[in-house]
Amino acid sequence: MQIGPLTTTSDPFFILGPCGLENEEFAWRMARSLKEICERTQTPFIFKASFDKANRTSVDSYRGPGIEEGCRILSEISKELNVPVTTDIHNEAQAEIAASYIDLLQVPAFLCRQTDLLEACAKTGKTINVKKGQFLAPWDTVNIAEKLRAFGCEDFLITERGTTFGYNNLVADMRSLYWMRKEGLKVIFDATHSVQRPGGLGGTTGGDGELAPVLARAAIATGVDAVFMEVHENPAEALSDGPNQIPLSEIEGVLKKLHAIHQACKV
């Protein structure tokens, strides 16, 4: 499936889905629910879920079904529901495998400067979403863009997902969105990971999920190209990143508000 029309429109699109692929039935349930909501709200969206949560706080934390099974599930969801899909990859081999199934390849924040990984993603010919590291200034993403272009990739986006703000805390600087777009970059705002408290619960990551829609509203007002929000039918029972995810029951209202803000800012 081609996602070019999403990334070239003047209206924002949305990346929505659960943090992890907890099981196949759950993934289908979430994808179908989100598609119905997005059709009602006329929201262009990409379905997201991770086949491997490789960067967990604890060795005992749930990771996922793995790349082969995870990509199979996502590919079948994409074909059946006619919705583009995305997932994160962690090494060069995974980039090549996932490219056969996935529409948008996502590079995790901690790996955003890994030159070999960026090159491998570029070689797939897929659209690439690189998450800005929590340790980078907004203008540092220009170097990431230059690497991708050097490897022949012009179809990419950069995601702002918060900056380290002391121990176990992140801050989302809305100036970052403006500065990166001023450099000619296509920018996504990750509302749910921006409210993380990494390792904040000791063996797991905490967060302030109730603030995710607040930050999303601010980001839409700046004119971002897309908004990323993880959504779960029951965040309290999620196997990863529960404290940050938006309840499925609330996402339709969130989307309606974001559309209204976008329309108001176009005037």
C-alpha atoms as a PDB file:
ATOM      1  CA  MET A   1       0.000   0.000   0.000  1.00  0.00           C
ATOM      2  CA  GLN A   2       1.291   3.455  -0.892  1.00  0.00           C
ATOM      3  CA  ILE A   3       1.203   6.078   1.846  1.00  0.00           C
ATOM      4  CA  GLY A   4       2.465   8.940  -0.318  1.00  0.00           C
ATOM      5  CA  PRO A   5      -0.941  10.688  -0.406  1.00  0.00           C
ATOM      6  CA  LEU A   6      -0.912  10.811   3.405  1.00  0.00           C
ATOM      7  CA  THR A   7       2.532  12.368   3.669  1.00  0.00           C
ATOM      8  CA  THR A   8       1.987  14.986   0.956  1.00  0.00           C
ATOM      9  CA  THR A   9      -1.394  16.383   1.974  1.00  0.00           C
ATOM     10  CA  SER A  10      -1.637  19.725   3.765  1.00  0.00           C
ATOM     11  CA  ASP A  11      -3.938  18.177   6.371  1.00  0.00           C
ATOM     12  CA  PRO A  12      -2.417  16.096   9.195  1.00  0.00           C
ATOM     13  CA  PHE A  13      -2.690  12.334   9.282  1.00  0.00           C
ATOM     14  CA  PHE A  14      -2.580  10.140  12.377  1.00  0.00           C
ATOM     15  CA  ILE A  15      -0.620   7.107  13.509  1.00  0.00           C
ATOM     16  CA  LEU A  16      -2.810   5.149  15.927  1.00  0.00           C
ATOM     17  CA  GLY A  17      -2.647   1.764  17.587  1.00  0.00           C
ATOM     18  CA  PRO A  18      -1.530  -0.124  20.677  1.00  0.00           C
ATOM     19  CA  CYS A  19       2.036  -0.107  21.913  1.00  0.00           C
ATOM     20  CA  GLY A  20       2.578  -3.834  21.459  1.00  0.00           C
ATOM     21  CA  LEU A  21       1.122  -6.740  19.496  1.00  0.00           C
ATOM     22  CA  GLU A  22      -0.205  -8.517  22.564  1.00  0.00           C
ATOM     23  CA  ASN A  23      -1.918 -11.231  20.524  1.00  0.00           C
ATOM     24  CA  GLU A  24      -3.506 -11.580  17.090  1.00  0.00           C
ATOM     25  CA  GLU A  25      -7.116 -11.306  18.237  1.00  0.00           C
ATOM     26  CA  PHE A  26      -6.331  -8.141  20.176  1.00  0.00           C
ATOM     27  CA  ALA A  27      -4.551  -6.592  17.180  1.00  0.00           C
ATOM     28  CA  TRP A  28      -7.496  -7.222  14.870  1.00  0.00           C
ATOM     29  CA  ARG A  29      -9.958  -5.907  17.444  1.00  0.00           C
ATOM     30  CA  MET A  30      -7.993  -2.692  17.878  1.00  0.00           C
ATOM     31  CA  ALA A  31      -7.463  -2.215  14.132  1.00  0.00           C
ATOM     32  CA  ARG A  32     -11.142  -2.701  13.296  1.00  0.00           C
ATOM     33  CA  SER A  33     -12.252  -0.366  16.086  1.00  0.00           C
ATOM     34  CA  LEU A  34      -9.813   2.350  15.061  1.00  0.00           C
ATOM     35  CA  LYS A  35     -10.805   2.081  11.413  1.00  0.00           C
ATOM     36  CA  GLU A  36     -14.479   2.524  12.307  1.00  0.00           C
ATOM     37  CA  ILE A  37     -13.672   5.553  14.462  1.00  0.00           C
ATOM     38  CA  CYS A  38     -11.447   7.095  11.799  1.00  0.00           C
ATOM     39  CA  GLU A  39     -14.100   6.576   9.127  1.00  0.00           C
ATOM     40  CA  ARG A  40     -16.683   8.345  11.299  1.00  0.00           C
ATOM     41  CA  THR A  41     -14.341  11.246  11.989  1.00  0.00           C
ATOM     42  CA  GLN A  42     -12.871  11.326   8.455  1.00  0.00           C
ATOM     43  CA  THR A  43      -9.405  10.773   9.865  1.00  0.00           C
ATOM     44  CA  PRO A  44      -6.637   9.460   7.602  1.00  0.00           C
ATOM     45  CA  PHE A  45      -4.615   7.036   9.712  1.00  0.00           C
ATOM     46  CA  ILE A  46      -1.873   4.441   9.782  1.00  0.00           C
ATOM     47  CA  PHE A  47      -2.294   1.500  12.147  1.00  0.00           C
ATOM     48  CA  LYS A  48       0.656   0.981  14.499  1.00  0.00           C
ATOM     49  CA  ALA A  49       1.768  -1.873  16.730  1.00  0.00           C
ATOM     50  CA  SER A  50       5.200  -3.216  17.676  1.00  0.00           C
ATOM     51  CA  PHE A  51       6.229  -6.834  17.060  1.00  0.00           C
ATOM     52  CA  ASP A  52       9.095  -6.521  19.559  1.00  0.00           C
ATOM     53  CA  LYS A  53       9.448  -4.084  22.446  1.00  0.00           C
ATOM     54  CA  ALA A  54      13.221  -4.407  22.472  1.00  0.00           C
ATOM     55  CA  ASN A  55      13.853  -1.462  24.787  1.00  0.00           C
ATOM     56  CA  ARG A  56      11.990  -2.498  27.924  1.00  0.00           C
ATOM     57  CA  THR A  57      13.038  -1.361  31.391  1.00  0.00           C
ATOM     58  CA  SER A  58      13.096  -4.878  32.854  1.00  0.00           C
ATOM     59  CA  VAL A  59      14.345  -8.158  31.421  1.00  0.00           C
ATOM     60  CA  ASP A  60      11.063  -9.699  32.588  1.00  0.00           C
ATOM     61  CA  SER A  61       8.850  -7.286  30.608  1.00  0.00           C
ATOM     62  CA  TYR A  62       6.699  -8.470  27.705  1.00  0.00           C
ATOM     63  CA  ARG A  63       8.301  -7.964  24.293  1.00  0.00           C
ATOM     64  CA  GLY A  64       6.039  -9.347  21.571  1.00  0.00           C
ATOM     65  CA  PRO A  65       5.559 -12.139  19.015  1.00  0.00           C
ATOM     66  CA  GLY A  66       8.720 -11.402  17.013  1.00  0.00           C
ATOM     67  CA  ILE A  67       9.277 -10.066  13.529  1.00  0.00           C
ATOM     68  CA  GLU A  68       7.949 -12.898  11.356  1.00  0.00           C
ATOM     69  CA  GLU A  69       4.702 -13.412  13.249  1.00  0.00           C
ATOM     70  CA  GLY A  70       4.236  -9.717  13.975  1.00  0.00           C
ATOM     71  CA  CYS A  71       4.742  -8.621  10.383  1.00  0.00           C
ATOM     72  CA  ARG A  72       2.387 -11.357   9.170  1.00  0.00           C
ATOM     73  CA  ILE A  73      -0.366 -10.075  11.471  1.00  0.00           C
ATOM     74  CA  LEU A  74       0.171  -6.458  10.446  1.00  0.00           C
ATOM     75  CA  SER A  75       0.288  -7.316   6.754  1.00  0.00           C
ATOM     76  CA  GLU A  76      -2.974  -9.245   6.926  1.00  0.00           C
ATOM     77  CA  ILE A  77      -4.629  -6.380   8.808  1.00  0.00           C
ATOM     78  CA  SER A  78      -3.432  -3.955   6.154  1.00  0.00           C
ATOM     79  CA  LYS A  79      -4.766  -6.056   3.276  1.00  0.00           C
ATOM     80  CA  GLU A  80      -8.085  -6.924   4.894  1.00  0.00           C
ATOM     81  CA  LEU A  81      -8.917  -3.456   6.213  1.00  0.00           C
ATOM     82  CA  ASN A  82      -7.179  -1.467   3.451  1.00  0.00           C
ATOM     83  CA  VAL A  83      -5.202   0.506   6.035  1.00  0.00           C
ATOM     84  CA  PRO A  84      -1.450   1.221   5.893  1.00  0.00           C
ATOM     85  CA  VAL A  85       0.559  -0.146   8.817  1.00  0.00           C
ATOM     86  CA  THR A  86       3.753   0.733  10.641  1.00  0.00           C
ATOM     87  CA  THR A  87       6.053  -0.886  13.179  1.00  0.00           C
ATOM     88  CA  ASP A  88       9.505  -0.221  14.592  1.00  0.00           C
ATOM     89  CA  ILE A  89      12.613  -2.122  13.536  1.00  0.00           C
ATOM     90  CA  HIS A  90      15.881  -2.398  15.447  1.00  0.00           C
ATOM     91  CA  ASN A  91      18.598  -3.628  13.089  1.00  0.00           C
ATOM     92  CA  GLU A  92      19.510  -3.843   9.415  1.00  0.00           C
ATOM     93  CA  ALA A  93      18.193  -7.381   8.945  1.00  0.00           C
ATOM     94  CA  GLN A  94      14.811  -6.436  10.374  1.00  0.00           C
ATOM     95  CA  ALA A  95      14.552  -3.476   7.985  1.00  0.00           C
ATOM     96  CA  GLU A  96      14.830  -5.790   5.001  1.00  0.00           C
ATOM     97  CA  ILE A  97      12.348  -8.322   6.388  1.00  0.00           C
ATOM     98  CA  ALA A  98       9.762  -5.787   7.518  1.00  0.00           C
ATOM     99  CA  ALA A  99       9.873  -3.899   4.216  1.00  0.00           C
ATOM    100  CA  SER A 100       8.099  -6.844   2.564  1.00  0.00           C
ATOM    101  CA  TYR A 101       5.094  -6.374   4.840  1.00  0.00           C
ATOM    102  CA  ILE A 102       5.080  -2.855   6.285  1.00  0.00           C
ATOM    103  CA  ASP A 103       4.198   0.471   4.660  1.00  0.00           C
ATOM    104  CA  LEU A 104       6.051   2.825   7.013  1.00  0.00           C
ATOM    105  CA  LEU A 105       9.294   1.747   8.715  1.00  0.00           C
ATOM    106  CA  GLN A 106       9.881   3.313  12.118  1.00  0.00           C
ATOM    107  CA  VAL A 107      13.333   3.839  13.628  1.00  0.00           C
ATOM    108  CA  PRO A 108      13.254   4.004  17.461  1.00  0.00           C
ATOM    109  CA  ALA A 109      14.545   7.112  19.213  1.00  0.00           C
ATOM    110  CA  PHE A 110      17.568   5.454  20.803  1.00  0.00           C
ATOM    111  CA  LEU A 111      18.677   4.234  17.348  1.00  0.00           C
ATOM    112  CA  CYS A 112      18.046   7.426  15.390  1.00  0.00           C
ATOM    113  CA  ARG A 113      21.726   8.110  14.701  1.00  0.00           C
ATOM    114  CA  GLN A 114      22.697   4.543  13.773  1.00  0.00           C
ATOM    115  CA  THR A 115      24.097   5.105  10.308  1.00  0.00           C
ATOM    116  CA  ASP A 116      23.959   1.472   9.156  1.00  0.00           C
ATOM    117  CA  LEU A 117      20.337   1.164  10.267  1.00  0.00           C
ATOM    118  CA  LEU A 118      19.338   4.357   8.444  1.00  0.00           C
ATOM    119  CA  GLU A 119      21.100   3.135   5.319  1.00  0.00           C
ATOM    120  CA  ALA A 120      19.342  -0.233   5.495  1.00  0.00           C
ATOM    121  CA  CYS A 121      15.973   1.485   5.833  1.00  0.00           C
ATOM    122  CA  ALA A 122      16.724   3.805   2.930  1.00  0.00           C
ATOM    123  CA  LYS A 123      17.647   0.869   0.695  1.00  0.00           C
ATOM    124  CA  THR A 124      14.173  -0.664   1.149  1.00  0.00           C
ATOM    125  CA  GLY A 125      12.564   2.213  -0.742  1.00  0.00           C
ATOM    126  CA  LYS A 126       9.912   2.515   1.958  1.00  0.00           C
ATOM    127  CA  THR A 127       8.766   5.694   3.666  1.00  0.00           C
ATOM    128  CA  ILE A 128      10.729   6.059   6.904  1.00  0.00           C
ATOM    129  CA  ASN A 129       9.754   7.605  10.223  1.00  0.00           C
ATOM    130  CA  VAL A 130      12.732   8.371  12.462  1.00  0.00           C
ATOM    131  CA  LYS A 131      11.986   9.161  16.080  1.00  0.00           C
ATOM    132  CA  LYS A 132      14.117  11.999  17.415  1.00  0.00           C
ATOM    133  CA  GLY A 133      16.293  10.819  20.286  1.00  0.00           C
ATOM    134  CA  GLN A 134      15.487  12.132  23.740  1.00  0.00           C
ATOM    135  CA  PHE A 135      19.102  13.299  23.842  1.00  0.00           C
ATOM    136  CA  LEU A 136      18.964  15.447  20.677  1.00  0.00           C
ATOM    137  CA  ALA A 137      18.235  19.110  20.083  1.00  0.00           C
ATOM    138  CA  PRO A 138      15.696  19.810  17.325  1.00  0.00           C
ATOM    139  CA  TRP A 139      18.352  21.109  14.920  1.00  0.00           C
ATOM    140  CA  ASP A 140      20.374  17.906  15.341  1.00  0.00           C
ATOM    141  CA  THR A 141      17.740  16.117  13.260  1.00  0.00           C
ATOM    142  CA  VAL A 142      19.109  17.888  10.181  1.00  0.00           C
ATOM    143  CA  ASN A 143      22.055  15.478  10.379  1.00  0.00           C
ATOM    144  CA  ILE A 144      19.668  12.519  10.347  1.00  0.00           C
ATOM    145  CA  ALA A 145      17.943  13.957   7.286  1.00  0.00           C
ATOM    146  CA  GLU A 146      21.293  14.427   5.537  1.00  0.00           C
ATOM    147  CA  LYS A 147      22.219  10.802   6.173  1.00  0.00           C
ATOM    148  CA  LEU A 148      18.938   9.552   4.694  1.00  0.00           C
ATOM    149  CA  ARG A 149      19.291  11.771   1.647  1.00  0.00           C
ATOM    150  CA  ALA A 150      22.871  10.616   1.165  1.00  0.00           C
ATOM    151  CA  PHE A 151      21.512   7.052   1.013  1.00  0.00           C
ATOM    152  CA  GLY A 152      18.930   8.024  -1.620  1.00  0.00           C
ATOM    153  CA  CYS A 153      15.874   8.451   0.631  1.00  0.00           C
ATOM    154  CA  GLU A 154      13.763  11.589   0.280  1.00  0.00           C
ATOM    155  CA  ASP A 155      10.520  10.156   1.667  1.00  0.00           C
ATOM    156  CA  PHE A 156      10.934  10.372   5.422  1.00  0.00           C
ATOM    157  CA  LEU A 157       9.508  12.028   8.523  1.00  0.00           C
ATOM    158  CA  ILE A 158      10.989  12.988  11.886  1.00  0.00           C
ATOM    159  CA  THR A 159       9.035  12.386  15.087  1.00  0.00           C
ATOM    160  CA  GLU A 160       9.303  14.557  18.182  1.00  0.00           C
ATOM    161  CA  ARG A 161       8.724  12.407  21.278  1.00  0.00           C
ATOM    162  CA  GLY A 162      10.036  14.507  24.144  1.00  0.00           C
ATOM    163  CA  THR A 163      13.444  15.434  25.476  1.00  0.00           C
ATOM    164  CA  THR A 164      15.142  14.184  28.629  1.00  0.00           C
ATOM    165  CA  PHE A 165      14.294  16.557  31.465  1.00  0.00           C
ATOM    166  CA  GLY A 166      16.101  15.203  34.470  1.00  0.00           C
ATOM    167  CA  TYR A 167      15.714  11.763  35.991  1.00  0.00           C
ATOM    168  CA  ASN A 168      12.695   9.694  34.830  1.00  0.00           C
ATOM    169  CA  ASN A 169      11.074  12.641  33.104  1.00  0.00           C
ATOM    170  CA  LEU A 170      10.567  14.074  29.631  1.00  0.00           C
ATOM    171  CA  VAL A 171       9.445  17.476  28.400  1.00  0.00           C
ATOM    172  CA  ALA A 172       7.818  18.269  25.057  1.00  0.00           C
ATOM    173  CA  ASP A 173       9.092  21.557  23.665  1.00  0.00           C
ATOM    174  CA  MET A 174       6.593  22.854  21.108  1.00  0.00           C
ATOM    175  CA  ARG A 175       9.303  25.103  19.688  1.00  0.00           C
ATOM    176  CA  SER A 176      10.961  21.937  18.427  1.00  0.00           C
ATOM    177  CA  LEU A 177       8.095  21.308  16.010  1.00  0.00           C
ATOM    178  CA  TYR A 178       8.428  24.775  14.510  1.00  0.00           C
ATOM    179  CA  TRP A 179      12.213  24.612  14.231  1.00  0.00           C
ATOM    180  CA  MET A 180      12.266  21.213  12.543  1.00  0.00           C
ATOM    181  CA  ARG A 181       9.574  22.182  10.033  1.00  0.00           C
ATOM    182  CA  LYS A 182      11.474  25.405   9.358  1.00  0.00           C
ATOM    183  CA  GLU A 183      14.354  23.179   8.188  1.00  0.00           C
ATOM    184  CA  GLY A 184      12.023  21.715   5.578  1.00  0.00           C
ATOM    185  CA  LEU A 185      11.412  18.469   7.462  1.00  0.00           C
ATOM    186  CA  LYS A 186       8.091  16.652   7.691  1.00  0.00           C
ATOM    187  CA  VAL A 187       7.305  16.385  11.394  1.00  0.00           C
ATOM    188  CA  ILE A 188       5.200  14.027  13.486  1.00  0.00           C
ATOM    189  CA  PHE A 189       4.377  14.704  17.114  1.00  0.00           C
ATOM    190  CA  ASP A 190       4.255  11.633  19.358  1.00  0.00           C
ATOM    191  CA  ALA A 191       1.793  12.653  22.040  1.00  0.00           C
ATOM    192  CA  THR A 192       1.872   9.474  24.124  1.00  0.00           C
ATOM    193  CA  HIS A 193       5.612   8.822  24.342  1.00  0.00           C
ATOM    194  CA  SER A 194       6.155  12.496  25.155  1.00  0.00           C
ATOM    195  CA  VAL A 195       4.334  11.971  28.453  1.00  0.00           C
ATOM    196  CA  GLN A 196       6.408   8.941  29.478  1.00  0.00           C
ATOM    197  CA  ARG A 197       8.339   8.755  32.710  1.00  0.00           C
ATOM    198  CA  PRO A 198      11.075   6.334  31.587  1.00  0.00           C
ATOM    199  CA  GLY A 199      11.742   3.772  34.306  1.00  0.00           C
ATOM    200  CA  GLY A 200       9.537   5.874  36.551  1.00  0.00           C
ATOM    201  CA  LEU A 201       7.875   2.876  38.192  1.00  0.00           C
ATOM    202  CA  GLY A 202      11.123   1.120  38.998  1.00  0.00           C
ATOM    203  CA  GLY A 203      10.843  -1.985  36.835  1.00  0.00           C
ATOM    204  CA  THR A 204       8.546  -0.382  34.278  1.00  0.00           C
ATOM    205  CA  THR A 205       7.962   2.963  32.599  1.00  0.00           C
ATOM    206  CA  GLY A 206       5.357   5.296  34.038  1.00  0.00           C
ATOM    207  CA  GLY A 207       3.628   8.241  32.445  1.00  0.00           C
ATOM    208  CA  ASP A 208       0.931  10.887  32.437  1.00  0.00           C
ATOM    209  CA  GLY A 209      -1.467   9.596  29.805  1.00  0.00           C
ATOM    210  CA  GLU A 210      -4.101  12.197  30.600  1.00  0.00           C
ATOM    211  CA  LEU A 211      -1.717  14.850  29.262  1.00  0.00           C
ATOM    212  CA  ALA A 212      -1.274  13.201  25.847  1.00  0.00           C
ATOM    213  CA  PRO A 213      -4.416  14.786  24.313  1.00  0.00           C
ATOM    214  CA  VAL A 214      -3.397  18.147  25.786  1.00  0.00           C
ATOM    215  CA  LEU A 215      -0.006  18.039  24.073  1.00  0.00           C
ATOM    216  CA  ALA A 216      -1.592  16.753  20.854  1.00  0.00           C
ATOM    217  CA  ARG A 217      -3.846  19.814  20.743  1.00  0.00           C
ATOM    218  CA  ALA A 218      -0.849  22.111  21.113  1.00  0.00           C
ATOM    219  CA  ALA A 219       1.057  20.235  18.401  1.00  0.00           C
ATOM    220  CA  ILE A 220      -1.814  20.452  15.928  1.00  0.00           C
ATOM    221  CA  ALA A 221      -1.921  24.204  16.480  1.00  0.00           C
ATOM    222  CA  THR A 222       1.740  24.468  15.433  1.00  0.00           C
ATOM    223  CA  GLY A 223       0.961  22.849  12.081  1.00  0.00           C
ATOM    224  CA  VAL A 224       2.574  19.411  12.345  1.00  0.00           C
ATOM    225  CA  ASP A 225       2.264  16.940   9.486  1.00  0.00           C
ATOM    226  CA  ALA A 226       0.999  14.102  11.682  1.00  0.00           C
ATOM    227  CA  VAL A 227       0.206  13.062  15.242  1.00  0.00           C
ATOM    228  CA  PHE A 228       1.189   9.716  16.766  1.00  0.00           C
ATOM    229  CA  MET A 229      -0.953   8.395  19.624  1.00  0.00           C
ATOM    230  CA  GLU A 230      -0.900   4.936  21.140  1.00  0.00           C
ATOM    231  CA  VAL A 231      -4.383   3.671  21.938  1.00  0.00           C
ATOM    232  CA  HIS A 232      -5.488   0.676  24.011  1.00  0.00           C
ATOM    233  CA  GLU A 233      -8.888  -0.735  24.873  1.00  0.00           C
ATOM    234  CA  ASN A 234      -7.839  -1.021  28.522  1.00  0.00           C
ATOM    235  CA  PRO A 235      -4.566   0.822  29.254  1.00  0.00           C
ATOM    236  CA  ALA A 236      -4.505  -0.444  32.845  1.00  0.00           C
ATOM    237  CA  GLU A 237      -4.157  -3.998  31.505  1.00  0.00           C
ATOM    238  CA  ALA A 238      -1.717  -3.209  28.673  1.00  0.00           C
ATOM    239  CA  LEU A 239       1.405  -5.365  28.502  1.00  0.00           C
ATOM    240  CA  SER A 240       3.588  -2.343  27.683  1.00  0.00           C
ATOM    241  CA  ASP A 241       3.364   1.441  28.132  1.00  0.00           C
ATOM    242  CA  GLY A 242      -0.083   1.309  29.715  1.00  0.00           C
ATOM    243  CA  PRO A 243       0.252   4.587  31.664  1.00  0.00           C
ATOM    244  CA  ASN A 244       0.806   6.575  28.459  1.00  0.00           C
ATOM    245  CA  GLN A 245      -1.836   5.142  26.156  1.00  0.00           C
ATOM    246  CA  ILE A 246      -5.165   6.791  25.403  1.00  0.00           C
ATOM    247  CA  PRO A 247      -8.239   4.653  26.144  1.00  0.00           C
ATOM    248  CA  LEU A 248     -10.002   3.480  22.999  1.00  0.00           C
ATOM    249  CA  SER A 249     -13.263   4.817  24.407  1.00  0.00           C
ATOM    250  CA  GLU A 250     -11.834   8.358  24.389  1.00  0.00           C
ATOM    251  CA  ILE A 251      -9.970   8.533  21.094  1.00  0.00           C
ATOM    252  CA  GLU A 252     -12.945   9.573  18.960  1.00  0.00           C
ATOM    253  CA  GLY A 253     -13.501  12.653  21.085  1.00  0.00           C
ATOM    254  CA  VAL A 254      -9.787  13.441  20.985  1.00  0.00           C
ATOM    255  CA  LEU A 255      -9.733  13.238  17.188  1.00  0.00           C
ATOM    256  CA  LYS A 256     -12.762  15.494  16.837  1.00  0.00           C
ATOM    257  CA  LYS A 257     -11.078  18.171  18.946  1.00  0.00           C
ATOM    258  CA  LEU A 258      -7.856  17.906  16.966  1.00  0.00           C
ATOM    259  CA  HIS A 259      -9.722  18.286  13.678  1.00  0.00           C
ATOM    260  CA  ALA A 260     -11.508  21.352  15.035  1.00  0.00           C
ATOM    261  CA  ILE A 261      -8.229  22.931  16.112  1.00  0.00           C
ATOM    262  CA  HIS A 262      -6.663  22.228  12.722  1.00  0.00           C
ATOM    263  CA  GLN A 263      -9.586  23.850  10.926  1.00  0.00           C
ATOM    264  CA  ALA A 264      -9.464  26.887  13.204  1.00  0.00           C
ATOM    265  CA  CYS A 265      -5.747  27.327  12.567  1.00  0.00           C
ATOM    266  CA  LYS A 266      -6.280  27.207   8.798  1.00  0.00           C
ATOM    267  CA  VAL A 267      -8.441  30.341   8.890  1.00  0.00           C
END
